[in-house]
Amino acid sequence: MPALTVGFDLDMTLVDSRPGIAAAYRALTARTGVPVDADAAVSRLGPPLRTEIARWFPPEQVESAVSIYRELYPAYAITPTVPLPGAREAIDAVRARGGRVLVVTSKLGRLARLHLDHLGLEVDEVAGDLFAEGKATALREHDATHYVGDHVADMVAAETAGIPGIAVVTGPCSAEELRTAGAEVVLDDLSGFPAALDRMIQLALEQ
Protein backbone atom coordinates (compact mmCIF):
# COMPACT_ATOMS: atom_id res chain seq x y z
CA MET A 1 0.00 0.00 0.00
CA PRO A 2 1.45 3.44 -0.91
CA ALA A 3 2.21 5.98 1.80
CA LEU A 4 -0.96 7.69 3.02
CA THR A 5 -1.48 11.11 1.43
CA VAL A 6 -4.94 12.64 1.71
CA GLY A 7 -6.08 15.60 -0.34
CA PHE A 8 -8.87 17.85 0.90
CA ASP A 9 -10.92 20.44 -0.90
CA LEU A 10 -11.15 23.72 1.05
CA ASP A 11 -14.46 25.59 0.73
CA MET A 12 -17.35 23.70 2.36
CA THR A 13 -15.12 20.67 2.97
CA LEU A 14 -12.61 21.92 5.55
CA VAL A 15 -14.02 25.41 6.11
CA ASP A 16 -17.34 27.24 5.97
CA SER A 17 -16.29 30.26 3.97
CA ARG A 18 -19.78 31.38 3.01
CA PRO A 19 -20.04 34.40 5.36
CA GLY A 20 -16.65 35.74 4.28
CA ILE A 21 -17.17 35.12 0.59
CA ALA A 22 -20.59 36.79 0.78
CA ALA A 23 -18.94 39.81 2.41
CA ALA A 24 -16.35 39.90 -0.39
CA TYR A 25 -19.08 39.82 -3.03
CA ARG A 26 -20.93 42.67 -1.30
CA ALA A 27 -17.70 44.66 -1.27
CA LEU A 28 -17.32 43.89 -4.98
CA THR A 29 -20.80 45.29 -5.61
CA ALA A 30 -19.96 48.40 -3.60
CA ARG A 31 -16.72 48.90 -5.56
CA THR A 32 -18.08 48.23 -9.06
CA GLY A 33 -21.74 49.18 -8.83
CA VAL A 34 -22.69 45.83 -10.38
CA PRO A 35 -25.25 44.00 -8.21
CA VAL A 36 -24.21 40.49 -7.18
CA ASP A 37 -26.61 38.33 -5.16
CA ALA A 38 -24.08 37.24 -2.54
CA ASP A 39 -26.40 34.70 -0.93
CA ALA A 40 -27.04 33.01 -4.26
CA ALA A 41 -23.34 33.02 -5.10
CA VAL A 42 -22.32 31.28 -1.87
CA SER A 43 -25.03 28.65 -2.29
CA ARG A 44 -23.07 27.14 -5.18
CA LEU A 45 -19.43 27.30 -4.10
CA GLY A 46 -17.08 24.91 -5.85
CA PRO A 47 -16.55 25.97 -9.47
CA PRO A 48 -13.88 28.53 -10.36
CA LEU A 49 -14.46 32.16 -9.41
CA ARG A 50 -14.80 33.24 -13.05
CA THR A 51 -17.81 30.96 -13.45
CA GLU A 52 -19.71 32.86 -10.77
CA ILE A 53 -18.46 36.31 -11.76
CA ALA A 54 -19.63 35.66 -15.34
CA ARG A 55 -23.20 35.35 -14.05
CA TRP A 56 -23.19 39.00 -12.99
CA PHE A 57 -20.71 40.87 -15.18
CA PRO A 58 -20.63 41.25 -18.98
CA PRO A 59 -17.84 39.25 -20.65
CA GLU A 60 -15.56 42.21 -21.16
CA GLN A 61 -15.64 43.02 -17.41
CA VAL A 62 -15.13 39.51 -15.99
CA GLU A 63 -11.34 39.60 -15.70
CA SER A 64 -11.38 43.03 -14.10
CA ALA A 65 -14.06 41.92 -11.62
CA VAL A 66 -12.06 38.80 -10.75
CA SER A 67 -9.01 40.96 -10.02
CA ILE A 68 -10.99 43.38 -7.85
CA TYR A 69 -12.65 40.53 -5.93
CA ARG A 70 -9.27 38.93 -5.21
CA GLU A 71 -7.89 42.30 -4.11
CA LEU A 72 -10.81 42.67 -1.66
CA TYR A 73 -10.81 39.06 -0.49
CA PRO A 74 -8.19 39.17 2.28
CA ALA A 75 -9.86 42.08 4.06
CA TYR A 76 -13.39 40.65 3.92
CA ALA A 77 -13.32 36.86 3.62
CA ILE A 78 -10.69 35.50 6.00
CA THR A 79 -11.86 36.50 9.48
CA PRO A 80 -15.52 35.34 9.16
CA THR A 81 -14.53 31.86 7.93
CA VAL A 82 -14.70 28.97 10.42
CA PRO A 83 -13.64 25.31 10.32
CA LEU A 84 -16.40 22.84 9.52
CA PRO A 85 -17.22 20.11 12.07
CA GLY A 86 -14.47 17.52 12.24
CA ALA A 87 -11.98 19.46 10.08
CA ARG A 88 -9.21 19.68 12.65
CA GLU A 89 -9.78 16.08 13.71
CA ALA A 90 -9.66 14.90 10.08
CA ILE A 91 -6.26 16.50 9.55
CA ASP A 92 -5.05 15.09 12.86
CA ALA A 93 -6.31 11.64 11.87
CA VAL A 94 -4.19 11.62 8.70
CA ARG A 95 -1.10 12.68 10.64
CA ALA A 96 -1.76 10.14 13.41
CA ARG A 97 -1.69 7.43 10.75
CA GLY A 98 1.66 8.64 9.42
CA GLY A 99 0.16 10.45 6.45
CA ARG A 100 0.55 13.75 4.63
CA VAL A 101 -2.19 16.35 4.10
CA LEU A 102 -2.80 18.28 0.89
CA VAL A 103 -5.31 20.99 0.09
CA VAL A 104 -6.35 21.02 -3.56
CA THR A 105 -8.81 23.79 -4.31
CA SER A 106 -10.24 26.00 -7.04
CA LYS A 107 -9.30 29.01 -4.89
CA LEU A 108 -5.95 30.70 -5.54
CA GLY A 109 -3.30 29.01 -3.45
CA ARG A 110 -2.23 32.22 -1.69
CA LEU A 111 -5.82 32.93 -0.61
CA ALA A 112 -6.29 29.33 0.55
CA ARG A 113 -3.12 29.71 2.62
CA LEU A 114 -4.56 32.81 4.32
CA HIS A 115 -7.54 30.75 5.48
CA LEU A 116 -5.43 27.84 6.68
CA ASP A 117 -2.97 30.07 8.53
CA HIS A 118 -5.72 32.13 10.14
CA LEU A 119 -7.46 29.00 11.43
CA GLY A 120 -4.28 27.16 12.37
CA LEU A 121 -4.98 24.27 10.01
CA GLU A 122 -1.56 22.83 9.21
CA VAL A 123 -1.17 21.08 5.88
CA ASP A 124 1.86 19.90 3.92
CA GLU A 125 1.00 21.28 0.49
CA VAL A 126 -1.53 23.62 -1.12
CA ALA A 127 -2.43 23.45 -4.81
CA GLY A 128 -4.82 26.15 -6.01
CA ASP A 129 -6.69 27.44 -9.05
CA LEU A 130 -7.72 23.89 -10.05
CA PHE A 131 -11.14 22.37 -10.71
CA ALA A 132 -12.57 18.96 -11.58
CA GLU A 133 -10.13 17.05 -13.80
CA GLY A 134 -7.57 19.80 -13.25
CA LYS A 135 -7.32 18.84 -9.59
CA ALA A 136 -6.22 15.36 -10.63
CA THR A 137 -2.93 16.81 -11.87
CA ALA A 138 -2.00 17.97 -8.37
CA LEU A 139 -3.33 14.79 -6.77
CA ARG A 140 -1.09 12.70 -9.01
CA GLU A 141 1.89 15.02 -8.58
CA HIS A 142 1.74 14.65 -4.80
CA ASP A 143 0.94 10.90 -4.88
CA ALA A 144 -2.41 11.36 -3.16
CA THR A 145 -4.08 8.15 -2.03
CA HIS A 146 -7.53 9.69 -1.27
CA TYR A 147 -9.38 12.91 -2.05
CA VAL A 148 -12.07 14.45 0.14
CA GLY A 149 -14.55 16.99 -1.18
CA ASP A 150 -18.11 18.31 -1.13
CA HIS A 151 -18.73 18.79 -4.85
CA VAL A 152 -19.41 16.37 -7.71
CA ALA A 153 -16.39 17.90 -9.45
CA ASP A 154 -14.24 16.71 -6.52
CA MET A 155 -15.37 13.16 -7.15
CA VAL A 156 -14.49 13.63 -10.83
CA ALA A 157 -11.04 14.76 -9.70
CA ALA A 158 -10.58 11.66 -7.56
CA GLU A 159 -11.76 9.34 -10.32
CA THR A 160 -9.50 11.02 -12.87
CA ALA A 161 -6.56 10.63 -10.49
CA GLY A 162 -7.46 6.97 -9.96
CA ILE A 163 -7.97 7.26 -6.20
CA PRO A 164 -10.97 6.86 -3.88
CA GLY A 165 -13.21 9.88 -3.49
CA ILE A 166 -14.61 10.59 -0.04
CA ALA A 167 -17.56 12.99 -0.08
CA VAL A 168 -19.12 15.20 2.56
CA VAL A 169 -22.59 16.70 2.17
CA THR A 170 -21.63 20.02 3.76
CA GLY A 171 -21.63 21.78 0.38
CA PRO A 172 -24.12 22.28 -2.46
CA CYS A 173 -24.33 18.65 -3.64
CA SER A 174 -26.62 15.94 -2.29
CA ALA A 175 -25.50 12.51 -1.16
CA GLU A 176 -27.15 10.98 -4.22
CA GLU A 177 -25.36 13.39 -6.57
CA LEU A 178 -22.03 12.64 -4.92
CA ARG A 179 -22.54 8.86 -5.11
CA THR A 180 -23.55 9.14 -8.75
CA ALA A 181 -20.37 11.13 -9.39
CA GLY A 182 -18.31 8.24 -8.03
CA ALA A 183 -17.88 8.81 -4.29
CA GLU A 184 -16.79 5.61 -2.56
CA VAL A 185 -17.90 6.96 0.81
CA VAL A 186 -20.41 9.72 1.60
CA LEU A 187 -20.30 11.35 5.05
CA ASP A 188 -22.55 13.88 6.75
CA ASP A 189 -19.43 15.87 7.64
CA LEU A 190 -15.78 15.30 8.48
CA SER A 191 -16.64 14.05 11.96
CA GLY A 192 -17.02 10.62 10.40
CA PHE A 193 -13.76 10.82 8.44
CA PRO A 194 -11.32 9.10 10.86
CA ALA A 195 -13.46 5.95 11.10
CA ALA A 196 -14.09 5.94 7.34
CA LEU A 197 -10.37 6.30 6.66
CA ASP A 198 -9.58 3.37 8.93
CA ARG A 199 -12.13 1.21 7.09
CA MET A 200 -10.67 2.14 3.72
CA ILE A 201 -7.11 1.47 4.87
CA GLN A 202 -8.15 -1.90 6.21
CA LEU A 203 -9.90 -2.84 2.98
CA ALA A 204 -6.81 -1.85 1.00
CA LEU A 205 -4.62 -4.00 3.21
CA GLU A 206 -6.92 -6.99 2.72
CA GLN A 207 -6.84 -6.80 -1.07
C-alpha atoms as a PDB file:
ATOM      1  CA  MET A   1       0.000   0.000   0.000  1.00  0.00           C
ATOM      2  CA  PRO A   2       1.454   3.437  -0.911  1.00  0.00           C
ATOM      3  CA  ALA A   3       2.211   5.980   1.800  1.00  0.00           C
ATOM      4  CA  LEU A   4      -0.961   7.689   3.023  1.00  0.00           C
ATOM      5  CA  THR A   5      -1.481  11.109   1.433  1.00  0.00           C
ATOM      6  CA  VAL A   6      -4.936  12.638   1.712  1.00  0.00           C
ATOM      7  CA  GLY A   7      -6.080  15.601  -0.338  1.00  0.00           C
ATOM      8  CA  PHE A   8      -8.867  17.847   0.897  1.00  0.00           C
ATOM      9  CA  ASP A   9     -10.919  20.444  -0.904  1.00  0.00           C
ATOM     10  CA  LEU A  10     -11.147  23.717   1.054  1.00  0.00           C
ATOM     11  CA  ASP A  11     -14.458  25.594   0.727  1.00  0.00           C
ATOM     12  CA  MET A  12     -17.347  23.704   2.360  1.00  0.00           C
ATOM     13  CA  THR A  13     -15.120  20.673   2.972  1.00  0.00           C
ATOM     14  CA  LEU A  14     -12.609  21.917   5.548  1.00  0.00           C
ATOM     15  CA  VAL A  15     -14.021  25.405   6.108  1.00  0.00           C
ATOM     16  CA  ASP A  16     -17.340  27.235   5.972  1.00  0.00           C
ATOM     17  CA  SER A  17     -16.286  30.258   3.975  1.00  0.00           C
ATOM     18  CA  ARG A  18     -19.779  31.383   3.005  1.00  0.00           C
ATOM     19  CA  PRO A  19     -20.035  34.401   5.362  1.00  0.00           C
ATOM     20  CA  GLY A  20     -16.654  35.737   4.284  1.00  0.00           C
ATOM     21  CA  ILE A  21     -17.172  35.121   0.585  1.00  0.00           C
ATOM     22  CA  ALA A  22     -20.593  36.786   0.778  1.00  0.00           C
ATOM     23  CA  ALA A  23     -18.941  39.811   2.408  1.00  0.00           C
ATOM     24  CA  ALA A  24     -16.354  39.897  -0.390  1.00  0.00           C
ATOM     25  CA  TYR A  25     -19.085  39.822  -3.035  1.00  0.00           C
ATOM     26  CA  ARG A  26     -20.926  42.672  -1.297  1.00  0.00           C
ATOM     27  CA  ALA A  27     -17.700  44.656  -1.269  1.00  0.00           C
ATOM     28  CA  LEU A  28     -17.316  43.893  -4.981  1.00  0.00           C
ATOM     29  CA  THR A  29     -20.801  45.290  -5.609  1.00  0.00           C
ATOM     30  CA  ALA A  30     -19.958  48.405  -3.603  1.00  0.00           C
ATOM     31  CA  ARG A  31     -16.720  48.896  -5.564  1.00  0.00           C
ATOM     32  CA  THR A  32     -18.083  48.233  -9.064  1.00  0.00           C
ATOM     33  CA  GLY A  33     -21.743  49.177  -8.826  1.00  0.00           C
ATOM     34  CA  VAL A  34     -22.690  45.827 -10.383  1.00  0.00           C
ATOM     35  CA  PRO A  35     -25.245  43.997  -8.211  1.00  0.00           C
ATOM     36  CA  VAL A  36     -24.209  40.493  -7.180  1.00  0.00           C
ATOM     37  CA  ASP A  37     -26.615  38.333  -5.156  1.00  0.00           C
ATOM     38  CA  ALA A  38     -24.082  37.237  -2.544  1.00  0.00           C
ATOM     39  CA  ASP A  39     -26.400  34.701  -0.927  1.00  0.00           C
ATOM     40  CA  ALA A  40     -27.043  33.005  -4.260  1.00  0.00           C
ATOM     41  CA  ALA A  41     -23.340  33.022  -5.098  1.00  0.00           C
ATOM     42  CA  VAL A  42     -22.317  31.282  -1.873  1.00  0.00           C
ATOM     43  CA  SER A  43     -25.026  28.652  -2.293  1.00  0.00           C
ATOM     44  CA  ARG A  44     -23.068  27.139  -5.177  1.00  0.00           C
ATOM     45  CA  LEU A  45     -19.426  27.298  -4.104  1.00  0.00           C
ATOM     46  CA  GLY A  46     -17.078  24.908  -5.851  1.00  0.00           C
ATOM     47  CA  PRO A  47     -16.553  25.972  -9.474  1.00  0.00           C
ATOM     48  CA  PRO A  48     -13.878  28.529 -10.364  1.00  0.00           C
ATOM     49  CA  LEU A  49     -14.464  32.161  -9.414  1.00  0.00           C
ATOM     50  CA  ARG A  50     -14.795  33.236 -13.054  1.00  0.00           C
ATOM     51  CA  THR A  51     -17.809  30.958 -13.453  1.00  0.00           C
ATOM     52  CA  GLU A  52     -19.710  32.860 -10.766  1.00  0.00           C
ATOM     53  CA  ILE A  53     -18.464  36.305 -11.756  1.00  0.00           C
ATOM     54  CA  ALA A  54     -19.633  35.657 -15.336  1.00  0.00           C
ATOM     55  CA  ARG A  55     -23.202  35.346 -14.049  1.00  0.00           C
ATOM     56  CA  TRP A  56     -23.186  38.998 -12.994  1.00  0.00           C
ATOM     57  CA  PHE A  57     -20.713  40.869 -15.179  1.00  0.00           C
ATOM     58  CA  PRO A  58     -20.626  41.245 -18.982  1.00  0.00           C
ATOM     59  CA  PRO A  59     -17.837  39.245 -20.648  1.00  0.00           C
ATOM     60  CA  GLU A  60     -15.562  42.212 -21.161  1.00  0.00           C
ATOM     61  CA  GLN A  61     -15.640  43.015 -17.412  1.00  0.00           C
ATOM     62  CA  VAL A  62     -15.135  39.507 -15.994  1.00  0.00           C
ATOM     63  CA  GLU A  63     -11.337  39.597 -15.699  1.00  0.00           C
ATOM     64  CA  SER A  64     -11.383  43.031 -14.099  1.00  0.00           C
ATOM     65  CA  ALA A  65     -14.063  41.923 -11.620  1.00  0.00           C
ATOM     66  CA  VAL A  66     -12.058  38.795 -10.751  1.00  0.00           C
ATOM     67  CA  SER A  67      -9.006  40.960 -10.015  1.00  0.00           C
ATOM     68  CA  ILE A  68     -10.993  43.378  -7.854  1.00  0.00           C
ATOM     69  CA  TYR A  69     -12.646  40.528  -5.934  1.00  0.00           C
ATOM     70  CA  ARG A  70      -9.270  38.928  -5.211  1.00  0.00           C
ATOM     71  CA  GLU A  71      -7.889  42.305  -4.109  1.00  0.00           C
ATOM     72  CA  LEU A  72     -10.812  42.675  -1.660  1.00  0.00           C
ATOM     73  CA  TYR A  73     -10.811  39.060  -0.490  1.00  0.00           C
ATOM     74  CA  PRO A  74      -8.192  39.169   2.279  1.00  0.00           C
ATOM     75  CA  ALA A  75      -9.863  42.085   4.059  1.00  0.00           C
ATOM     76  CA  TYR A  76     -13.387  40.652   3.923  1.00  0.00           C
ATOM     77  CA  ALA A  77     -13.321  36.861   3.623  1.00  0.00           C
ATOM     78  CA  ILE A  78     -10.690  35.501   6.000  1.00  0.00           C
ATOM     79  CA  THR A  79     -11.856  36.497   9.476  1.00  0.00           C
ATOM     80  CA  PRO A  80     -15.523  35.344   9.163  1.00  0.00           C
ATOM     81  CA  THR A  81     -14.528  31.862   7.925  1.00  0.00           C
ATOM     82  CA  VAL A  82     -14.702  28.974  10.422  1.00  0.00           C
ATOM     83  CA  PRO A  83     -13.641  25.312  10.324  1.00  0.00           C
ATOM     84  CA  LEU A  84     -16.399  22.840   9.520  1.00  0.00           C
ATOM     85  CA  PRO A  85     -17.216  20.108  12.069  1.00  0.00           C
ATOM     86  CA  GLY A  86     -14.466  17.524  12.242  1.00  0.00           C
ATOM     87  CA  ALA A  87     -11.983  19.459  10.081  1.00  0.00           C
ATOM     88  CA  ARG A  88      -9.213  19.676  12.653  1.00  0.00           C
ATOM     89  CA  GLU A  89      -9.780  16.082  13.708  1.00  0.00           C
ATOM     90  CA  ALA A  90      -9.660  14.905  10.077  1.00  0.00           C
ATOM     91  CA  ILE A  91      -6.263  16.499   9.545  1.00  0.00           C
ATOM     92  CA  ASP A  92      -5.046  15.092  12.860  1.00  0.00           C
ATOM     93  CA  ALA A  93      -6.312  11.642  11.866  1.00  0.00           C
ATOM     94  CA  VAL A  94      -4.191  11.620   8.704  1.00  0.00           C
ATOM     95  CA  ARG A  95      -1.105  12.677  10.637  1.00  0.00           C
ATOM     96  CA  ALA A  96      -1.760  10.144  13.405  1.00  0.00           C
ATOM     97  CA  ARG A  97      -1.688   7.428  10.751  1.00  0.00           C
ATOM     98  CA  GLY A  98       1.659   8.635   9.415  1.00  0.00           C
ATOM     99  CA  GLY A  99       0.158  10.452   6.450  1.00  0.00           C
ATOM    100  CA  ARG A 100       0.548  13.753   4.634  1.00  0.00           C
ATOM    101  CA  VAL A 101      -2.185  16.351   4.102  1.00  0.00           C
ATOM    102  CA  LEU A 102      -2.796  18.282   0.888  1.00  0.00           C
ATOM    103  CA  VAL A 103      -5.315  20.990   0.092  1.00  0.00           C
ATOM    104  CA  VAL A 104      -6.348  21.015  -3.563  1.00  0.00           C
ATOM    105  CA  THR A 105      -8.809  23.794  -4.314  1.00  0.00           C
ATOM    106  CA  SER A 106     -10.242  26.001  -7.041  1.00  0.00           C
ATOM    107  CA  LYS A 107      -9.304  29.012  -4.889  1.00  0.00           C
ATOM    108  CA  LEU A 108      -5.949  30.701  -5.543  1.00  0.00           C
ATOM    109  CA  GLY A 109      -3.296  29.010  -3.450  1.00  0.00           C
ATOM    110  CA  ARG A 110      -2.226  32.220  -1.692  1.00  0.00           C
ATOM    111  CA  LEU A 111      -5.818  32.927  -0.606  1.00  0.00           C
ATOM    112  CA  ALA A 112      -6.290  29.333   0.548  1.00  0.00           C
ATOM    113  CA  ARG A 113      -3.122  29.708   2.619  1.00  0.00           C
ATOM    114  CA  LEU A 114      -4.559  32.807   4.319  1.00  0.00           C
ATOM    115  CA  HIS A 115      -7.545  30.748   5.479  1.00  0.00           C
ATOM    116  CA  LEU A 116      -5.431  27.844   6.684  1.00  0.00           C
ATOM    117  CA  ASP A 117      -2.968  30.067   8.531  1.00  0.00           C
ATOM    118  CA  HIS A 118      -5.715  32.135  10.140  1.00  0.00           C
ATOM    119  CA  LEU A 119      -7.462  29.001  11.426  1.00  0.00           C
ATOM    120  CA  GLY A 120      -4.283  27.161  12.367  1.00  0.00           C
ATOM    121  CA  LEU A 121      -4.978  24.271  10.015  1.00  0.00           C
ATOM    122  CA  GLU A 122      -1.563  22.829   9.214  1.00  0.00           C
ATOM    123  CA  VAL A 123      -1.166  21.075   5.876  1.00  0.00           C
ATOM    124  CA  ASP A 124       1.858  19.904   3.923  1.00  0.00           C
ATOM    125  CA  GLU A 125       1.002  21.283   0.486  1.00  0.00           C
ATOM    126  CA  VAL A 126      -1.531  23.623  -1.120  1.00  0.00           C
ATOM    127  CA  ALA A 127      -2.428  23.453  -4.814  1.00  0.00           C
ATOM    128  CA  GLY A 128      -4.819  26.145  -6.012  1.00  0.00           C
ATOM    129  CA  ASP A 129      -6.691  27.438  -9.053  1.00  0.00           C
ATOM    130  CA  LEU A 130      -7.716  23.892 -10.047  1.00  0.00           C
ATOM    131  CA  PHE A 131     -11.138  22.372 -10.715  1.00  0.00           C
ATOM    132  CA  ALA A 132     -12.572  18.955 -11.580  1.00  0.00           C
ATOM    133  CA  GLU A 133     -10.131  17.046 -13.799  1.00  0.00           C
ATOM    134  CA  GLY A 134      -7.571  19.799 -13.253  1.00  0.00           C
ATOM    135  CA  LYS A 135      -7.321  18.841  -9.592  1.00  0.00           C
ATOM    136  CA  ALA A 136      -6.223  15.358 -10.633  1.00  0.00           C
ATOM    137  CA  THR A 137      -2.929  16.805 -11.870  1.00  0.00           C
ATOM    138  CA  ALA A 138      -2.002  17.967  -8.366  1.00  0.00           C
ATOM    139  CA  LEU A 139      -3.327  14.788  -6.769  1.00  0.00           C
ATOM    140  CA  ARG A 140      -1.085  12.702  -9.007  1.00  0.00           C
ATOM    141  CA  GLU A 141       1.891  15.023  -8.577  1.00  0.00           C
ATOM    142  CA  HIS A 142       1.740  14.646  -4.800  1.00  0.00           C
ATOM    143  CA  ASP A 143       0.941  10.905  -4.885  1.00  0.00           C
ATOM    144  CA  ALA A 144      -2.410  11.359  -3.163  1.00  0.00           C
ATOM    145  CA  THR A 145      -4.084   8.154  -2.032  1.00  0.00           C
ATOM    146  CA  HIS A 146      -7.530   9.690  -1.273  1.00  0.00           C
ATOM    147  CA  TYR A 147      -9.381  12.913  -2.055  1.00  0.00           C
ATOM    148  CA  VAL A 148     -12.068  14.454   0.139  1.00  0.00           C
ATOM    149  CA  GLY A 149     -14.554  16.994  -1.180  1.00  0.00           C
ATOM    150  CA  ASP A 150     -18.107  18.312  -1.128  1.00  0.00           C
ATOM    151  CA  HIS A 151     -18.726  18.785  -4.854  1.00  0.00           C
ATOM    152  CA  VAL A 152     -19.408  16.365  -7.705  1.00  0.00           C
ATOM    153  CA  ALA A 153     -16.387  17.896  -9.446  1.00  0.00           C
ATOM    154  CA  ASP A 154     -14.237  16.710  -6.523  1.00  0.00           C
ATOM    155  CA  MET A 155     -15.369  13.161  -7.149  1.00  0.00           C
ATOM    156  CA  VAL A 156     -14.495  13.630 -10.829  1.00  0.00           C
ATOM    157  CA  ALA A 157     -11.036  14.763  -9.696  1.00  0.00           C
ATOM    158  CA  ALA A 158     -10.580  11.658  -7.561  1.00  0.00           C
ATOM    159  CA  GLU A 159     -11.760   9.337 -10.324  1.00  0.00           C
ATOM    160  CA  THR A 160      -9.500  11.023 -12.872  1.00  0.00           C
ATOM    161  CA  ALA A 161      -6.558  10.629 -10.488  1.00  0.00           C
ATOM    162  CA  GLY A 162      -7.460   6.966  -9.959  1.00  0.00           C
ATOM    163  CA  ILE A 163      -7.966   7.265  -6.200  1.00  0.00           C
ATOM    164  CA  PRO A 164     -10.975   6.857  -3.876  1.00  0.00           C
ATOM    165  CA  GLY A 165     -13.208   9.883  -3.491  1.00  0.00           C
ATOM    166  CA  ILE A 166     -14.611  10.595  -0.035  1.00  0.00           C
ATOM    167  CA  ALA A 167     -17.555  12.986  -0.079  1.00  0.00           C
ATOM    168  CA  VAL A 168     -19.122  15.203   2.559  1.00  0.00           C
ATOM    169  CA  VAL A 169     -22.591  16.696   2.173  1.00  0.00           C
ATOM    170  CA  THR A 170     -21.633  20.017   3.762  1.00  0.00           C
ATOM    171  CA  GLY A 171     -21.629  21.783   0.379  1.00  0.00           C
ATOM    172  CA  PRO A 172     -24.117  22.280  -2.460  1.00  0.00           C
ATOM    173  CA  CYS A 173     -24.331  18.653  -3.642  1.00  0.00           C
ATOM    174  CA  SER A 174     -26.622  15.939  -2.289  1.00  0.00           C
ATOM    175  CA  ALA A 175     -25.497  12.514  -1.157  1.00  0.00           C
ATOM    176  CA  GLU A 176     -27.154  10.985  -4.223  1.00  0.00           C
ATOM    177  CA  GLU A 177     -25.359  13.392  -6.574  1.00  0.00           C
ATOM    178  CA  LEU A 178     -22.034  12.636  -4.917  1.00  0.00           C
ATOM    179  CA  ARG A 179     -22.541   8.863  -5.112  1.00  0.00           C
ATOM    180  CA  THR A 180     -23.546   9.141  -8.754  1.00  0.00           C
ATOM    181  CA  ALA A 181     -20.373  11.126  -9.385  1.00  0.00           C
ATOM    182  CA  GLY A 182     -18.313   8.243  -8.028  1.00  0.00           C
ATOM    183  CA  ALA A 183     -17.876   8.812  -4.292  1.00  0.00           C
ATOM    184  CA  GLU A 184     -16.788   5.614  -2.559  1.00  0.00           C
ATOM    185  CA  VAL A 185     -17.900   6.964   0.811  1.00  0.00           C
ATOM    186  CA  VAL A 186     -20.415   9.722   1.602  1.00  0.00           C
ATOM    187  CA  LEU A 187     -20.296  11.350   5.054  1.00  0.00           C
ATOM    188  CA  ASP A 188     -22.550  13.881   6.753  1.00  0.00           C
ATOM    189  CA  ASP A 189     -19.430  15.874   7.642  1.00  0.00           C
ATOM    190  CA  LEU A 190     -15.780  15.305   8.479  1.00  0.00           C
ATOM    191  CA  SER A 191     -16.640  14.045  11.962  1.00  0.00           C
ATOM    192  CA  GLY A 192     -17.016  10.616  10.396  1.00  0.00           C
ATOM    193  CA  PHE A 193     -13.761  10.818   8.440  1.00  0.00           C
ATOM    194  CA  PRO A 194     -11.320   9.099  10.858  1.00  0.00           C
ATOM    195  CA  ALA A 195     -13.456   5.953  11.095  1.00  0.00           C
ATOM    196  CA  ALA A 196     -14.091   5.943   7.339  1.00  0.00           C
ATOM    197  CA  LEU A 197     -10.366   6.295   6.659  1.00  0.00           C
ATOM    198  CA  ASP A 198      -9.584   3.367   8.931  1.00  0.00           C
ATOM    199  CA  ARG A 199     -12.130   1.207   7.086  1.00  0.00           C
ATOM    200  CA  MET A 200     -10.666   2.144   3.721  1.00  0.00           C
ATOM    201  CA  ILE A 201      -7.107   1.470   4.875  1.00  0.00           C
ATOM    202  CA  GLN A 202      -8.146  -1.903   6.210  1.00  0.00           C
ATOM    203  CA  LEU A 203      -9.900  -2.835   2.982  1.00  0.00           C
ATOM    204  CA  ALA A 204      -6.810  -1.847   1.002  1.00  0.00           C
ATOM    205  CA  LEU A 205      -4.615  -4.002   3.211  1.00  0.00           C
ATOM    206  CA  GLU A 206      -6.917  -6.994   2.724  1.00  0.00           C
ATOM    207  CA  GLN A 207      -6.843  -6.799  -1.073  1.00  0.00           C
END
